[in-house]
Amino acid sequence: MIGPPGTGKTLVARALPYIRPCMHMDESLDVTRIYSVADDLPEGIPHINNLPSRLPHHTISNAGLVGRGN
């Protein structure tokens, strides 16, 4: 996001995970399977209901964001 300081860029970025639509059951099962295979499924939670999101550091390069390396 681009703009002068104080225009709400950070506010929108922090609120984005909470204003996205809910997942359908088939999407929830797919995400739960991925978390389970990666051994990241939280203890005591039968399935993931929230869309996964990551918060990369603001200085990340384009190559680092998409997973390319040397």
PDB file of N, CA and C in Angstrom:
ATOM      1  N   MET A   1       0.835  -1.178   0.000  1.00  0.00           N
ATOM      2  CA  MET A   1       0.000   0.000   0.000  1.00  0.00           C
ATOM      3  C   MET A   1       0.882   1.244   0.000  1.00  0.00           C
ATOM      4  N   ILE A   2       0.409   2.216  -0.697  1.00  0.00           N
ATOM      5  CA  ILE A   2       1.182   3.441  -0.856  1.00  0.00           C
ATOM      6  C   ILE A   2       0.331   4.619  -0.402  1.00  0.00           C
ATOM      7  N   GLY A   3       0.956   5.535   0.296  1.00  0.00           N
ATOM      8  CA  GLY A   3       0.259   6.746   0.721  1.00  0.00           C
ATOM      9  C   GLY A   3       1.018   7.433   1.820  1.00  0.00           C
ATOM     10  N   PRO A   4       0.615   8.657   2.119  1.00  0.00           N
ATOM     11  CA  PRO A   4       1.311   9.392   3.176  1.00  0.00           C
ATOM     12  C   PRO A   4       1.008   8.802   4.557  1.00  0.00           C
ATOM     13  N   PRO A   5       1.857   9.094   5.536  1.00  0.00           N
ATOM     14  CA  PRO A   5       1.629   8.607   6.894  1.00  0.00           C
ATOM     15  C   PRO A   5       0.285   9.096   7.450  1.00  0.00           C
ATOM     16  N   GLY A   6      -0.367   8.225   8.195  1.00  0.00           N
ATOM     17  CA  GLY A   6      -1.611   8.611   8.863  1.00  0.00           C
ATOM     18  C   GLY A   6      -2.869   8.432   8.044  1.00  0.00           C
ATOM     19  N   THR A   7      -2.782   7.765   6.887  1.00  0.00           N
ATOM     20  CA  THR A   7      -3.975   7.595   6.061  1.00  0.00           C
ATOM     21  C   THR A   7      -4.694   6.276   6.306  1.00  0.00           C
ATOM     22  N   GLY A   8      -4.161   5.422   7.201  1.00  0.00           N
ATOM     23  CA  GLY A   8      -4.866   4.189   7.565  1.00  0.00           C
ATOM     24  C   GLY A   8      -4.368   2.931   6.890  1.00  0.00           C
ATOM     25  N   LYS A   9      -3.190   2.957   6.294  1.00  0.00           N
ATOM     26  CA  LYS A   9      -2.666   1.768   5.613  1.00  0.00           C
ATOM     27  C   LYS A   9      -2.473   0.608   6.586  1.00  0.00           C
ATOM     28  N   THR A  10      -1.880   0.882   7.727  1.00  0.00           N
ATOM     29  CA  THR A  10      -1.632  -0.156   8.716  1.00  0.00           C
ATOM     30  C   THR A  10      -2.942  -0.664   9.299  1.00  0.00           C
ATOM     31  N   LEU A  11      -3.882   0.198   9.542  1.00  0.00           N
ATOM     32  CA  LEU A  11      -5.179  -0.195  10.071  1.00  0.00           C
ATOM     33  C   LEU A  11      -5.881  -1.166   9.131  1.00  0.00           C
ATOM     34  N   VAL A  12      -5.885  -0.858   7.856  1.00  0.00           N
ATOM     35  CA  VAL A  12      -6.514  -1.738   6.872  1.00  0.00           C
ATOM     36  C   VAL A  12      -5.774  -3.073   6.793  1.00  0.00           C
ATOM     37  N   ALA A  13      -4.448  -3.033   6.799  1.00  0.00           N
ATOM     38  CA  ALA A  13      -3.663  -4.262   6.722  1.00  0.00           C
ATOM     39  C   ALA A  13      -3.917  -5.158   7.928  1.00  0.00           C
ATOM     40  N   ARG A  14      -4.039  -4.585   9.112  1.00  0.00           N
ATOM     41  CA  ARG A  14      -4.294  -5.386  10.313  1.00  0.00           C
ATOM     42  C   ARG A  14      -5.723  -5.898  10.381  1.00  0.00           C
ATOM     43  N   ALA A  15      -6.674  -5.180   9.795  1.00  0.00           N
ATOM     44  CA  ALA A  15      -8.080  -5.583   9.835  1.00  0.00           C
ATOM     45  C   ALA A  15      -8.427  -6.592   8.753  1.00  0.00           C
ATOM     46  N   LEU A  16      -7.622  -6.678   7.706  1.00  0.00           N
ATOM     47  CA  LEU A  16      -7.940  -7.530   6.560  1.00  0.00           C
ATOM     48  C   LEU A  16      -8.245  -8.986   6.921  1.00  0.00           C
ATOM     49  N   PRO A  17      -7.463  -9.649   7.791  1.00  0.00           N
ATOM     50  CA  PRO A  17      -7.800 -11.047   8.114  1.00  0.00           C
ATOM     51  C   PRO A  17      -9.176 -11.219   8.745  1.00  0.00           C
ATOM     52  N   TYR A  18      -9.722 -10.179   9.368  1.00  0.00           N
ATOM     53  CA  TYR A  18     -10.994 -10.290  10.073  1.00  0.00           C
ATOM     54  C   TYR A  18     -12.199  -9.894   9.233  1.00  0.00           C
ATOM     55  N   ILE A  19     -11.974  -9.255   8.081  1.00  0.00           N
ATOM     56  CA  ILE A  19     -13.102  -8.831   7.252  1.00  0.00           C
ATOM     57  C   ILE A  19     -13.276  -9.696   6.013  1.00  0.00           C
ATOM     58  N   ARG A  20     -12.443 -10.701   5.880  1.00  0.00           N
ATOM     59  CA  ARG A  20     -12.591 -11.626   4.756  1.00  0.00           C
ATOM     60  C   ARG A  20     -13.782 -12.552   5.001  1.00  0.00           C
ATOM     61  N   PRO A  21     -14.384 -13.097   3.945  1.00  0.00           N
ATOM     62  CA  PRO A  21     -15.518 -14.002   4.131  1.00  0.00           C
ATOM     63  C   PRO A  21     -15.081 -15.312   4.788  1.00  0.00           C
ATOM     64  N   CYS A  22     -16.034 -15.987   5.418  1.00  0.00           N
ATOM     65  CA  CYS A  22     -15.760 -17.272   6.060  1.00  0.00           C
ATOM     66  C   CYS A  22     -15.519 -18.347   4.999  1.00  0.00           C
ATOM     67  N   MET A  23     -14.794 -19.379   5.401  1.00  0.00           N
ATOM     68  CA  MET A  23     -14.525 -20.486   4.483  1.00  0.00           C
ATOM     69  C   MET A  23     -15.722 -21.427   4.434  1.00  0.00           C
ATOM     70  N   HIS A  24     -15.901 -22.076   3.289  1.00  0.00           N
ATOM     71  CA  HIS A  24     -16.882 -23.144   3.166  1.00  0.00           C
ATOM     72  C   HIS A  24     -16.289 -24.393   3.793  1.00  0.00           C
ATOM     73  N   MET A  25     -17.116 -25.393   4.041  1.00  0.00           N
ATOM     74  CA  MET A  25     -16.660 -26.597   4.720  1.00  0.00           C
ATOM     75  C   MET A  25     -15.563 -27.312   3.929  1.00  0.00           C
ATOM     76  N   ASP A  26     -15.686 -27.390   2.598  1.00  0.00           N
ATOM     77  CA  ASP A  26     -14.652 -28.078   1.812  1.00  0.00           C
ATOM     78  C   ASP A  26     -13.323 -27.321   1.862  1.00  0.00           C
ATOM     79  N   GLU A  27     -13.368 -25.989   1.886  1.00  0.00           N
ATOM     80  CA  GLU A  27     -12.144 -25.199   2.033  1.00  0.00           C
ATOM     81  C   GLU A  27     -11.532 -25.404   3.412  1.00  0.00           C
ATOM     82  N   SER A  28     -12.382 -25.449   4.428  1.00  0.00           N
ATOM     83  CA  SER A  28     -11.913 -25.665   5.788  1.00  0.00           C
ATOM     84  C   SER A  28     -11.224 -27.027   5.918  1.00  0.00           C
ATOM     85  N   LEU A  29     -11.789 -28.037   5.302  1.00  0.00           N
ATOM     86  CA  LEU A  29     -11.179 -29.370   5.353  1.00  0.00           C
ATOM     87  C   LEU A  29      -9.840 -29.402   4.619  1.00  0.00           C
ATOM     88  N   ASP A  30      -9.756 -28.710   3.481  1.00  0.00           N
ATOM     89  CA  ASP A  30      -8.490 -28.653   2.745  1.00  0.00           C
ATOM     90  C   ASP A  30      -7.396 -27.981   3.579  1.00  0.00           C
ATOM     91  N   VAL A  31      -7.715 -26.855   4.208  1.00  0.00           N
ATOM     92  CA  VAL A  31      -6.740 -26.148   5.031  1.00  0.00           C
ATOM     93  C   VAL A  31      -6.351 -27.000   6.236  1.00  0.00           C
ATOM     94  N   THR A  32      -7.324 -27.685   6.831  1.00  0.00           N
ATOM     95  CA  THR A  32      -7.039 -28.545   7.973  1.00  0.00           C
ATOM     96  C   THR A  32      -6.105 -29.683   7.576  1.00  0.00           C
ATOM     97  N   ARG A  33      -6.304 -30.249   6.401  1.00  0.00           N
ATOM     98  CA  ARG A  33      -5.410 -31.318   5.920  1.00  0.00           C
ATOM     99  C   ARG A  33      -3.981 -30.807   5.755  1.00  0.00           C
ATOM    100  N   ILE A  34      -3.833 -29.625   5.199  1.00  0.00           N
ATOM    101  CA  ILE A  34      -2.504 -29.055   4.996  1.00  0.00           C
ATOM    102  C   ILE A  34      -1.827 -28.809   6.341  1.00  0.00           C
ATOM    103  N   TYR A  35      -2.556 -28.219   7.282  1.00  0.00           N
ATOM    104  CA  TYR A  35      -1.997 -27.980   8.619  1.00  0.00           C
ATOM    105  C   TYR A  35      -1.631 -29.305   9.289  1.00  0.00           C
ATOM    106  N   SER A  36      -2.455 -30.333   9.101  1.00  0.00           N
ATOM    107  CA  SER A  36      -2.199 -31.630   9.716  1.00  0.00           C
ATOM    108  C   SER A  36      -0.949 -32.285   9.146  1.00  0.00           C
ATOM    109  N   VAL A  37      -0.790 -32.246   7.840  1.00  0.00           N
ATOM    110  CA  VAL A  37       0.391 -32.833   7.202  1.00  0.00           C
ATOM    111  C   VAL A  37       1.657 -32.098   7.623  1.00  0.00           C
ATOM    112  N   ALA A  38       1.555 -30.765   7.781  1.00  0.00           N
ATOM    113  CA  ALA A  38       2.700 -29.967   8.196  1.00  0.00           C
ATOM    114  C   ALA A  38       2.926 -30.037   9.707  1.00  0.00           C
ATOM    115  N   ASP A  39       2.078 -30.773  10.417  1.00  0.00           N
ATOM    116  CA  ASP A  39       2.138 -30.919  11.878  1.00  0.00           C
ATOM    117  C   ASP A  39       2.002 -29.566  12.578  1.00  0.00           C
ATOM    118  N   ASP A  40       1.152 -28.692  12.033  1.00  0.00           N
ATOM    119  CA  ASP A  40       0.895 -27.369  12.607  1.00  0.00           C
ATOM    120  C   ASP A  40      -0.532 -27.238  13.145  1.00  0.00           C
ATOM    121  N   LEU A  41      -1.284 -28.325  13.180  1.00  0.00           N
ATOM    122  CA  LEU A  41      -2.662 -28.275  13.657  1.00  0.00           C
ATOM    123  C   LEU A  41      -2.655 -28.032  15.163  1.00  0.00           C
ATOM    124  N   PRO A  42      -3.297 -26.952  15.628  1.00  0.00           N
ATOM    125  CA  PRO A  42      -3.301 -26.657  17.065  1.00  0.00           C
ATOM    126  C   PRO A  42      -3.966 -27.776  17.869  1.00  0.00           C
ATOM    127  N   GLU A  43      -3.451 -28.007  19.055  1.00  0.00           N
ATOM    128  CA  GLU A  43      -3.971 -29.056  19.939  1.00  0.00           C
ATOM    129  C   GLU A  43      -5.413 -28.756  20.346  1.00  0.00           C
ATOM    130  N   GLY A  44      -6.299 -29.740  20.218  1.00  0.00           N
ATOM    131  CA  GLY A  44      -7.680 -29.590  20.656  1.00  0.00           C
ATOM    132  C   GLY A  44      -8.598 -28.894  19.674  1.00  0.00           C
ATOM    133  N   ILE A  45      -8.112 -28.544  18.494  1.00  0.00           N
ATOM    134  CA  ILE A  45      -8.965 -27.901  17.478  1.00  0.00           C
ATOM    135  C   ILE A  45      -9.227 -28.920  16.376  1.00  0.00           C
ATOM    136  N   PRO A  46     -10.490 -29.330  16.188  1.00  0.00           N
ATOM    137  CA  PRO A  46     -10.782 -30.382  15.207  1.00  0.00           C
ATOM    138  C   PRO A  46     -10.557 -29.962  13.754  1.00  0.00           C
ATOM    139  N   HIS A  47     -10.846 -28.705  13.425  1.00  0.00           N
ATOM    140  CA  HIS A  47     -10.572 -28.219  12.078  1.00  0.00           C
ATOM    141  C   HIS A  47     -10.413 -26.696  12.097  1.00  0.00           C
ATOM    142  N   ILE A  48      -9.710 -26.193  11.074  1.00  0.00           N
ATOM    143  CA  ILE A  48      -9.417 -24.769  10.952  1.00  0.00           C
ATOM    144  C   ILE A  48     -10.617 -24.066  10.320  1.00  0.00           C
ATOM    145  N   ASN A  49     -11.118 -23.011  10.980  1.00  0.00           N
ATOM    146  CA  ASN A  49     -12.268 -22.264  10.462  1.00  0.00           C
ATOM    147  C   ASN A  49     -11.883 -20.938   9.826  1.00  0.00           C
ATOM    148  N   ASN A  50     -10.718 -20.413  10.182  1.00  0.00           N
ATOM    149  CA  ASN A  50     -10.303 -19.097   9.691  1.00  0.00           C
ATOM    150  C   ASN A  50      -9.337 -19.244   8.523  1.00  0.00           C
ATOM    151  N   LEU A  51      -9.443 -18.333   7.571  1.00  0.00           N
ATOM    152  CA  LEU A  51      -8.518 -18.340   6.453  1.00  0.00           C
ATOM    153  C   LEU A  51      -7.102 -18.092   6.958  1.00  0.00           C
ATOM    154  N   PRO A  52      -6.143 -18.873   6.498  1.00  0.00           N
ATOM    155  CA  PRO A  52      -4.774 -18.659   6.943  1.00  0.00           C
ATOM    156  C   PRO A  52      -4.211 -17.369   6.357  1.00  0.00           C
ATOM    157  N   SER A  53      -3.390 -16.688   7.134  1.00  0.00           N
ATOM    158  CA  SER A  53      -2.739 -15.486   6.639  1.00  0.00           C
ATOM    159  C   SER A  53      -1.367 -15.394   7.275  1.00  0.00           C
ATOM    160  N   ARG A  54      -0.463 -14.778   6.582  1.00  0.00           N
ATOM    161  CA  ARG A  54       0.894 -14.572   7.068  1.00  0.00           C
ATOM    162  C   ARG A  54       1.163 -13.078   7.103  1.00  0.00           C
ATOM    163  N   LEU A  55       2.019 -12.659   8.014  1.00  0.00           N
ATOM    164  CA  LEU A  55       2.379 -11.256   8.131  1.00  0.00           C
ATOM    165  C   LEU A  55       3.871 -11.108   7.861  1.00  0.00           C
ATOM    166  N   PRO A  56       4.258 -11.009   6.583  1.00  0.00           N
ATOM    167  CA  PRO A  56       5.679 -10.867   6.280  1.00  0.00           C
ATOM    168  C   PRO A  56       6.212  -9.514   6.741  1.00  0.00           C
ATOM    169  N   HIS A  57       7.497  -9.462   6.989  1.00  0.00           N
ATOM    170  CA  HIS A  57       8.121  -8.212   7.408  1.00  0.00           C
ATOM    171  C   HIS A  57       8.050  -7.199   6.268  1.00  0.00           C
ATOM    172  N   HIS A  58       7.942  -5.937   6.610  1.00  0.00           N
ATOM    173  CA  HIS A  58       7.751  -4.908   5.584  1.00  0.00           C
ATOM    174  C   HIS A  58       8.972  -4.728   4.683  1.00  0.00           C
ATOM    175  N   THR A  59      10.118  -5.276   5.050  1.00  0.00           N
ATOM    176  CA  THR A  59      11.312  -5.133   4.212  1.00  0.00           C
ATOM    177  C   THR A  59      11.567  -6.363   3.346  1.00  0.00           C
ATOM    178  N   ILE A  60      10.620  -7.287   3.266  1.00  0.00           N
ATOM    179  CA  ILE A  60      10.824  -8.499   2.486  1.00  0.00           C
ATOM    180  C   ILE A  60      10.939  -8.160   0.996  1.00  0.00           C
ATOM    181  N   SER A  61      11.820  -8.875   0.309  1.00  0.00           N
ATOM    182  CA  SER A  61      11.983  -8.638  -1.130  1.00  0.00           C
ATOM    183  C   SER A  61      10.900  -9.388  -1.895  1.00  0.00           C
ATOM    184  N   ASN A  62      10.717  -9.030  -3.162  1.00  0.00           N
ATOM    185  CA  ASN A  62       9.737  -9.742  -3.997  1.00  0.00           C
ATOM    186  C   ASN A  62      10.102 -11.211  -4.123  1.00  0.00           C
ATOM    187  N   ALA A  63      11.394 -11.495  -4.280  1.00  0.00           N
ATOM    188  CA  ALA A  63      11.838 -12.886  -4.394  1.00  0.00           C
ATOM    189  C   ALA A  63      11.569 -13.648  -3.099  1.00  0.00           C
ATOM    190  N   GLY A  64      11.787 -13.021  -1.970  1.00  0.00           N
ATOM    191  CA  GLY A  64      11.533 -13.675  -0.691  1.00  0.00           C
ATOM    192  C   GLY A  64      10.051 -13.922  -0.453  1.00  0.00           C
ATOM    193  N   LEU A  65       9.211 -13.031  -0.951  1.00  0.00           N
ATOM    194  CA  LEU A  65       7.767 -13.158  -0.760  1.00  0.00           C
ATOM    195  C   LEU A  65       7.202 -14.345  -1.528  1.00  0.00           C
ATOM    196  N   VAL A  66       7.702 -14.589  -2.726  1.00  0.00           N
ATOM    197  CA  VAL A  66       7.177 -15.697  -3.538  1.00  0.00           C
ATOM    198  C   VAL A  66       7.970 -16.974  -3.368  1.00  0.00           C
ATOM    199  N   GLY A  67       9.046 -16.951  -2.564  1.00  0.00           N
ATOM    200  CA  GLY A  67       9.764 -18.172  -2.249  1.00  0.00           C
ATOM    201  C   GLY A  67      10.958 -18.482  -3.134  1.00  0.00           C
ATOM    202  N   ARG A  68      11.384 -17.537  -3.945  1.00  0.00           N
ATOM    203  CA  ARG A  68      12.563 -17.794  -4.771  1.00  0.00           C
ATOM    204  C   ARG A  68      13.815 -17.496  -3.965  1.00  0.00           C
ATOM    205  N   GLY A  69      14.832 -18.238  -4.223  1.00  0.00           N
ATOM    206  CA  GLY A  69      16.100 -18.001  -3.541  1.00  0.00           C
ATOM    207  C   GLY A  69      17.253 -18.180  -4.485  1.00  0.00           C
ATOM    208  N   ASN A  70      18.452 -18.049  -3.960  1.00  0.00           N
ATOM    209  CA  ASN A  70      19.651 -18.223  -4.783  1.00  0.00           C
ATOM    210  C   ASN A  70      19.903 -19.698  -5.038  1.00  0.00           C
TER     211      ASN A  70
END
